[in-house]
N, C-alpha and C. Protein backbone atom coordinates (compact mmCIF):
# COMPACT_ATOMS: atom_id res chain seq x y z
N UNK A 1 20.75 73.73 -2.97
CA UNK A 1 19.93 74.25 -2.14
C UNK A 1 19.07 74.48 -2.64
N UNK A 2 17.22 74.60 -2.41
CA UNK A 2 16.19 74.63 -3.22
C UNK A 2 16.36 76.65 -3.21
N UNK A 3 15.66 76.51 -4.79
CA UNK A 3 15.44 78.61 -4.96
C UNK A 3 14.51 78.95 -4.52
N UNK A 4 13.95 80.37 -3.53
CA UNK A 4 13.22 80.18 -3.55
C UNK A 4 12.18 80.88 -4.19
N UNK A 5 10.85 80.52 -4.25
CA UNK A 5 9.89 81.26 -5.23
C UNK A 5 10.18 82.98 -5.71
N UNK A 6 10.86 83.86 -4.75
CA UNK A 6 11.45 84.95 -5.02
C UNK A 6 12.34 85.54 -5.63
N UNK A 7 13.00 84.17 -5.55
CA UNK A 7 14.50 84.63 -6.40
C UNK A 7 14.59 84.02 -7.69
N UNK A 8 13.28 83.62 -7.69
CA UNK A 8 12.76 82.64 -8.79
C UNK A 8 12.49 83.49 -10.19
N UNK A 9 11.64 84.49 -8.72
CA UNK A 9 10.57 85.91 -10.14
C UNK A 9 12.61 86.77 -10.87
N UNK A 10 12.48 86.81 -9.26
CA UNK A 10 13.21 88.29 -9.41
C UNK A 10 14.60 87.83 -10.98
N UNK A 11 15.28 86.62 -9.97
CA UNK A 11 15.71 86.29 -11.74
C UNK A 11 15.39 86.56 -12.49
N UNK A 12 14.54 86.29 -13.05
CA UNK A 12 13.61 86.34 -14.40
C UNK A 12 12.86 88.30 -14.52
N UNK A 13 12.36 89.09 -14.17
CA UNK A 13 12.68 90.12 -13.64
C UNK A 13 13.85 91.20 -14.54
N UNK A 14 14.90 90.54 -12.95
CA UNK A 14 16.40 91.06 -13.01
C UNK A 14 16.68 91.21 -15.04
N UNK A 15 16.53 89.18 -14.90
CA UNK A 15 16.62 89.81 -16.83
C UNK A 15 16.72 90.72 -18.37
N UNK A 16 14.68 90.60 -17.56
CA UNK A 16 14.38 91.18 -18.09
C UNK A 16 14.70 93.26 -18.10
N UNK A 17 14.79 93.70 -16.55
CA UNK A 17 15.63 94.82 -16.35
C UNK A 17 16.71 95.06 -17.69
N UNK A 18 17.74 93.77 -17.82
CA UNK A 18 19.09 93.88 -18.27
C UNK A 18 18.88 93.94 -18.65
N UNK A 19 18.13 93.72 -20.01
CA UNK A 19 18.29 93.44 -21.24
C UNK A 19 16.73 95.30 -22.29
N UNK A 20 16.19 95.28 -21.25
CA UNK A 20 15.69 96.40 -21.63
C UNK A 20 16.69 97.97 -21.20
N UNK A 21 17.41 96.97 -20.74
CA UNK A 21 19.27 98.66 -20.32
C UNK A 21 19.81 98.70 -21.30
N UNK A 22 20.12 96.66 -21.97
CA UNK A 22 21.10 96.89 -23.00
C UNK A 22 20.30 97.94 -24.72
N UNK A 23 18.64 97.13 -24.52
CA UNK A 23 18.33 97.99 -25.66
C UNK A 23 18.24 99.19 -25.66
N UNK A 24 18.10 100.63 -24.42
CA UNK A 24 18.38 101.75 -24.44
C UNK A 24 19.49 102.00 -24.75
N UNK A 25 20.52 100.97 -24.46
CA UNK A 25 21.73 102.09 -24.67
C UNK A 25 21.98 101.55 -26.29
N UNK A 26 21.83 100.09 -26.43
CA UNK A 26 21.44 100.92 -28.44
C UNK A 26 20.82 101.69 -29.14
N UNK A 27 20.41 101.60 -28.45
CA UNK A 27 19.13 103.11 -29.06
C UNK A 27 19.73 104.43 -29.37
N UNK A 28 19.94 104.67 -27.96
CA UNK A 28 19.94 106.10 -27.56
C UNK A 28 21.45 106.68 -28.58
N UNK A 29 22.90 105.18 -28.37
CA UNK A 29 23.94 105.21 -29.59
C UNK A 29 23.79 105.42 -30.62
N UNK A 30 23.28 104.90 -31.28
CA UNK A 30 22.42 105.08 -32.71
C UNK A 30 21.47 106.71 -32.61
N UNK A 31 20.44 106.49 -32.26
CA UNK A 31 20.72 108.24 -32.28
C UNK A 31 21.17 109.56 -31.79
N UNK A 32 22.40 109.23 -31.58
CA UNK A 32 23.39 110.04 -30.87
C UNK A 32 24.10 110.86 -32.76
N UNK A 33 24.64 108.79 -33.28
CA UNK A 33 25.37 109.65 -33.96
C UNK A 33 24.25 110.96 -35.27
N UNK A 34 22.80 109.81 -35.92
CA UNK A 34 21.69 110.39 -36.20
C UNK A 34 21.01 111.16 -36.20
N UNK A 35 20.74 111.46 -34.95
CA UNK A 35 19.36 112.37 -33.84
C UNK A 35 18.66 112.38 -34.05
N UNK A 36 18.19 111.63 -34.34
CA UNK A 36 16.57 111.28 -34.85
C UNK A 36 16.46 109.70 -34.13
N UNK A 37 15.15 109.75 -34.11
CA UNK A 37 14.40 108.13 -34.25
C UNK A 37 13.06 108.39 -34.84
N UNK A 38 13.80 108.11 -36.07
CA UNK A 38 13.38 107.59 -37.48
C UNK A 38 12.07 107.52 -37.68
N UNK A 39 11.84 105.76 -36.57
CA UNK A 39 11.38 104.98 -36.93
C UNK A 39 10.44 104.11 -35.80
N UNK A 40 11.02 105.33 -34.57
CA UNK A 40 9.58 105.40 -33.20
C UNK A 40 9.62 104.61 -32.57
N UNK A 41 10.97 104.18 -32.24
CA UNK A 41 11.11 102.82 -31.41
C UNK A 41 11.47 103.46 -30.23
N UNK A 42 11.17 104.94 -29.23
CA UNK A 42 10.55 104.68 -28.79
C UNK A 42 9.76 105.33 -28.19
N UNK A 43 9.22 105.57 -28.51
CA UNK A 43 7.36 105.65 -28.03
C UNK A 43 6.10 104.27 -28.43
N UNK A 44 7.24 103.51 -29.35
CA UNK A 44 6.35 102.10 -29.70
C UNK A 44 6.76 101.31 -28.84
N UNK A 45 8.13 101.15 -28.49
CA UNK A 45 9.03 100.25 -28.18
C UNK A 45 9.65 100.45 -26.38
N UNK A 46 9.95 101.36 -26.39
CA UNK A 46 11.55 101.12 -25.84
C UNK A 46 9.98 101.80 -23.71
N UNK A 47 9.26 102.73 -24.36
CA UNK A 47 8.59 103.68 -23.46
C UNK A 47 7.99 102.09 -22.73
N UNK A 48 6.71 101.41 -24.06
CA UNK A 48 6.01 100.79 -23.13
C UNK A 48 6.63 99.24 -22.33
N UNK A 49 7.62 99.19 -23.44
CA UNK A 49 8.74 98.76 -22.42
C UNK A 49 9.13 98.64 -20.75
N UNK A 50 9.38 100.05 -20.53
CA UNK A 50 10.32 100.37 -19.31
C UNK A 50 8.65 100.45 -18.97
N UNK A 51 7.84 100.75 -19.03
CA UNK A 51 6.22 101.72 -18.60
C UNK A 51 5.91 99.59 -17.97
N UNK A 52 5.92 98.47 -18.73
CA UNK A 52 5.80 96.98 -18.44
C UNK A 52 6.06 96.22 -17.50
N UNK A 53 8.15 97.04 -17.61
CA UNK A 53 8.84 96.29 -15.83
C UNK A 53 8.60 96.98 -15.16
N UNK A 54 8.65 98.45 -15.14
CA UNK A 54 8.09 98.87 -13.50
C UNK A 54 6.49 98.18 -12.94
N UNK A 55 5.78 98.18 -14.20
CA UNK A 55 4.31 97.42 -13.12
C UNK A 55 5.35 95.95 -12.75
N UNK A 56 5.63 95.61 -13.01
CA UNK A 56 6.21 94.40 -12.38
C UNK A 56 7.13 94.21 -11.92
N UNK A 57 7.88 94.84 -11.36
CA UNK A 57 8.82 95.68 -10.04
C UNK A 57 8.07 95.84 -9.16
N UNK A 58 6.67 96.57 -9.25
CA UNK A 58 5.54 97.21 -7.95
C UNK A 58 4.48 95.69 -7.70
N UNK A 59 4.46 94.20 -8.46
CA UNK A 59 3.86 93.90 -8.72
C UNK A 59 4.51 92.90 -7.43
N UNK A 60 6.30 92.79 -8.29
CA UNK A 60 6.67 91.77 -7.21
C UNK A 60 7.22 92.54 -6.27
N UNK A 61 7.36 93.42 -6.00
CA UNK A 61 7.42 94.26 -4.28
C UNK A 61 5.91 93.67 -3.14
N UNK A 62 5.69 94.06 -3.74
CA UNK A 62 3.82 94.16 -3.24
C UNK A 62 3.08 92.36 -2.79
N UNK A 63 3.53 90.75 -3.48
CA UNK A 63 3.31 90.58 -3.67
C UNK A 63 4.46 88.98 -2.70
N UNK A 64 5.79 90.30 -2.90
CA UNK A 64 6.58 88.90 -1.57
C UNK A 64 6.99 90.09 -1.16
N UNK A 65 6.49 91.39 0.11
CA UNK A 65 7.10 91.87 0.61
C UNK A 65 6.69 91.19 2.04
N UNK A 66 6.51 90.13 2.06
CA UNK A 66 6.62 89.94 3.65
C UNK A 66 7.92 88.87 3.95
N UNK A 67 8.45 88.32 2.54
CA UNK A 67 9.69 87.54 2.25
C UNK A 67 10.59 88.06 2.09
N UNK A 68 10.59 89.24 1.86
CA UNK A 68 11.33 89.92 1.29
C UNK A 68 12.84 90.21 2.27
N UNK A 69 14.36 90.01 2.30
CA UNK A 69 15.40 89.72 3.32
C UNK A 69 15.26 91.42 3.22
């Protein structure tokens, strides 16, 4: 059964979301112990990546709105 373009793209976006969630869990688990973000991971990495993923989902929704079930 061939994969539809919207499904293929969603698989990639979903993997990126899952990676971001795992990174966030690791980050918050580590600052729970030390109570600080000494290296600025949140503003330099996690927040920009979250914004990129959010934008990907918005573009995806617009691009495939007519085709999504």
